[in-house]
């Protein structure tokens, strides 16, 4: 607990967003055609209308048309296409 509070204080002191130190999933959407999913645990569905990934808290699905994964690493995925919605199917599982 103390490490987390210290990390948050340091993040505020150097003007970092709090999610930079978090281990929870994060989705950043840039306009209607680009999204980045941080801290995913793998892909389980990838078709042009839907891309779904597991996370520690449940799964995240990006819905739209002409969806493509531009690049992917162990914990980050860049998605392009016309995005119509993003869903978090929260299970509450952390682990």
C-alpha atoms as a PDB file:
ATOM      1  CA  UNK A   1       0.000   0.000   0.000  1.00  0.00           C
ATOM      2  CA  UNK A   2       2.797   2.400   0.870  1.00  0.00           C
ATOM      3  CA  UNK A   3       4.506   1.828  -2.495  1.00  0.00           C
ATOM      4  CA  UNK A   4       1.307   2.762  -4.316  1.00  0.00           C
ATOM      5  CA  UNK A   5       0.891   6.024  -2.384  1.00  0.00           C
ATOM      6  CA  UNK A   6       4.544   6.933  -2.903  1.00  0.00           C
ATOM      7  CA  UNK A   7       4.219   6.155  -6.623  1.00  0.00           C
ATOM      8  CA  UNK A   8       1.164   8.387  -6.906  1.00  0.00           C
ATOM      9  CA  UNK A   9       2.927  11.245  -5.132  1.00  0.00           C
ATOM     10  CA  UNK A  10       5.919  10.912  -7.448  1.00  0.00           C
ATOM     11  CA  UNK A  11       3.618  10.801 -10.500  1.00  0.00           C
ATOM     12  CA  UNK A  12       1.901  14.009  -9.372  1.00  0.00           C
ATOM     13  CA  UNK A  13       5.228  15.690  -8.603  1.00  0.00           C
ATOM     14  CA  UNK A  14       6.581  15.063 -12.104  1.00  0.00           C
ATOM     15  CA  UNK A  15       3.182  15.613 -13.749  1.00  0.00           C
ATOM     16  CA  UNK A  16       2.628  12.025 -14.955  1.00  0.00           C
ATOM     17  CA  UNK A  17      -0.913  10.742 -15.391  1.00  0.00           C
ATOM     18  CA  UNK A  18      -1.832   8.252 -12.652  1.00  0.00           C
ATOM     19  CA  UNK A  19      -2.586   5.508 -15.182  1.00  0.00           C
ATOM     20  CA  UNK A  20       1.103   5.472 -16.120  1.00  0.00           C
ATOM     21  CA  UNK A  21       1.797   3.668 -12.834  1.00  0.00           C
ATOM     22  CA  UNK A  22      -1.349   1.527 -12.782  1.00  0.00           C
ATOM     23  CA  UNK A  23      -1.535  -2.140 -13.729  1.00  0.00           C
ATOM     24  CA  UNK A  24      -5.187  -1.865 -14.776  1.00  0.00           C
ATOM     25  CA  UNK A  25      -6.222  -1.954 -18.448  1.00  0.00           C
ATOM     26  CA  UNK A  26      -6.571   1.338 -20.289  1.00  0.00           C
ATOM     27  CA  UNK A  27      -8.098   2.238 -23.659  1.00  0.00           C
ATOM     28  CA  UNK A  28      -7.146   5.448 -25.465  1.00  0.00           C
ATOM     29  CA  UNK A  29      -9.318   6.447 -28.421  1.00  0.00           C
ATOM     30  CA  UNK A  30      -8.039   9.001 -30.934  1.00  0.00           C
ATOM     31  CA  UNK A  31     -10.974  10.050 -33.072  1.00  0.00           C
ATOM     32  CA  UNK A  32     -13.275   7.538 -34.739  1.00  0.00           C
ATOM     33  CA  UNK A  33     -10.532   5.478 -36.374  1.00  0.00           C
ATOM     34  CA  UNK A  34      -7.738   4.661 -33.917  1.00  0.00           C
ATOM     35  CA  UNK A  35      -7.460   3.092 -30.456  1.00  0.00           C
ATOM     36  CA  UNK A  36      -4.709   1.764 -28.222  1.00  0.00           C
ATOM     37  CA  UNK A  37      -5.370  -0.893 -25.594  1.00  0.00           C
ATOM     38  CA  UNK A  38      -2.820  -1.013 -22.784  1.00  0.00           C
ATOM     39  CA  UNK A  39      -2.214  -3.945 -20.424  1.00  0.00           C
ATOM     40  CA  UNK A  40      -4.162  -6.619 -22.307  1.00  0.00           C
ATOM     41  CA  UNK A  41      -3.523 -10.332 -21.693  1.00  0.00           C
ATOM     42  CA  UNK A  42      -4.144 -11.656 -25.208  1.00  0.00           C
ATOM     43  CA  UNK A  43      -6.595 -11.685 -28.106  1.00  0.00           C
ATOM     44  CA  UNK A  44      -9.476 -14.114 -28.346  1.00  0.00           C
ATOM     45  CA  UNK A  45     -11.430 -12.649 -31.281  1.00  0.00           C
ATOM     46  CA  UNK A  46     -10.192 -10.706 -34.282  1.00  0.00           C
ATOM     47  CA  UNK A  47     -12.531 -10.106 -37.216  1.00  0.00           C
ATOM     48  CA  UNK A  48     -13.046  -6.934 -39.244  1.00  0.00           C
ATOM     49  CA  UNK A  49     -16.120  -5.961 -37.164  1.00  0.00           C
ATOM     50  CA  UNK A  50     -14.842  -6.869 -33.679  1.00  0.00           C
ATOM     51  CA  UNK A  51     -11.540  -7.244 -31.819  1.00  0.00           C
ATOM     52  CA  UNK A  52     -11.668  -8.661 -28.271  1.00  0.00           C
ATOM     53  CA  UNK A  53      -8.897  -9.009 -25.709  1.00  0.00           C
ATOM     54  CA  UNK A  54      -8.636 -10.435 -22.226  1.00  0.00           C
ATOM     55  CA  UNK A  55      -7.503  -8.169 -19.381  1.00  0.00           C
ATOM     56  CA  UNK A  56      -7.003  -8.645 -15.657  1.00  0.00           C
ATOM     57  CA  UNK A  57     -10.449  -7.145 -14.992  1.00  0.00           C
ATOM     58  CA  UNK A  58     -12.467  -8.834 -17.737  1.00  0.00           C
ATOM     59  CA  UNK A  59     -12.433  -8.417 -21.479  1.00  0.00           C
ATOM     60  CA  UNK A  60     -12.378  -5.391 -23.762  1.00  0.00           C
ATOM     61  CA  UNK A  61     -14.052  -5.476 -27.184  1.00  0.00           C
ATOM     62  CA  UNK A  62     -13.670  -2.855 -29.897  1.00  0.00           C
ATOM     63  CA  UNK A  63     -16.579  -2.871 -32.374  1.00  0.00           C
ATOM     64  CA  UNK A  64     -16.755  -1.211 -35.775  1.00  0.00           C
ATOM     65  CA  UNK A  65     -15.865  -1.861 -39.401  1.00  0.00           C
ATOM     66  CA  UNK A  66     -12.606  -2.535 -41.231  1.00  0.00           C
ATOM     67  CA  UNK A  67     -10.876  -3.080 -37.878  1.00  0.00           C
ATOM     68  CA  UNK A  68      -7.230  -4.147 -37.990  1.00  0.00           C
ATOM     69  CA  UNK A  69      -4.495  -4.623 -35.442  1.00  0.00           C
ATOM     70  CA  UNK A  70      -1.685  -2.369 -36.650  1.00  0.00           C
ATOM     71  CA  UNK A  71       0.813  -3.578 -34.061  1.00  0.00           C
ATOM     72  CA  UNK A  72       0.787  -5.619 -30.897  1.00  0.00           C
ATOM     73  CA  UNK A  73       3.181  -6.296 -28.023  1.00  0.00           C
ATOM     74  CA  UNK A  74       2.836  -8.349 -24.854  1.00  0.00           C
ATOM     75  CA  UNK A  75       0.626  -5.700 -23.264  1.00  0.00           C
ATOM     76  CA  UNK A  76      -0.276  -3.076 -25.883  1.00  0.00           C
ATOM     77  CA  UNK A  77      -2.295  -3.205 -29.125  1.00  0.00           C
ATOM     78  CA  UNK A  78      -2.841  -0.486 -31.751  1.00  0.00           C
ATOM     79  CA  UNK A  79      -6.164  -0.835 -33.586  1.00  0.00           C
ATOM     80  CA  UNK A  80      -7.359   1.074 -36.661  1.00  0.00           C
ATOM     81  CA  UNK A  81     -10.655   1.140 -38.542  1.00  0.00           C
ATOM     82  CA  UNK A  82     -13.988   2.851 -38.057  1.00  0.00           C
ATOM     83  CA  UNK A  83     -14.688   2.381 -34.330  1.00  0.00           C
ATOM     84  CA  UNK A  84     -18.343   2.455 -33.303  1.00  0.00           C
ATOM     85  CA  UNK A  85     -18.042   1.316 -29.666  1.00  0.00           C
ATOM     86  CA  UNK A  86     -15.755  -0.091 -26.989  1.00  0.00           C
ATOM     87  CA  UNK A  87     -17.060  -2.498 -24.335  1.00  0.00           C
ATOM     88  CA  UNK A  88     -15.628  -3.554 -20.997  1.00  0.00           C
ATOM     89  CA  UNK A  89     -17.134  -6.827 -19.819  1.00  0.00           C
ATOM     90  CA  UNK A  90     -16.073  -6.493 -16.195  1.00  0.00           C
ATOM     91  CA  UNK A  91     -15.615  -9.713 -14.236  1.00  0.00           C
ATOM     92  CA  UNK A  92     -13.778  -8.177 -11.304  1.00  0.00           C
ATOM     93  CA  UNK A  93     -10.994 -10.733 -11.571  1.00  0.00           C
ATOM     94  CA  UNK A  94      -7.515  -9.457 -10.797  1.00  0.00           C
ATOM     95  CA  UNK A  95      -5.031 -12.161 -11.494  1.00  0.00           C
END
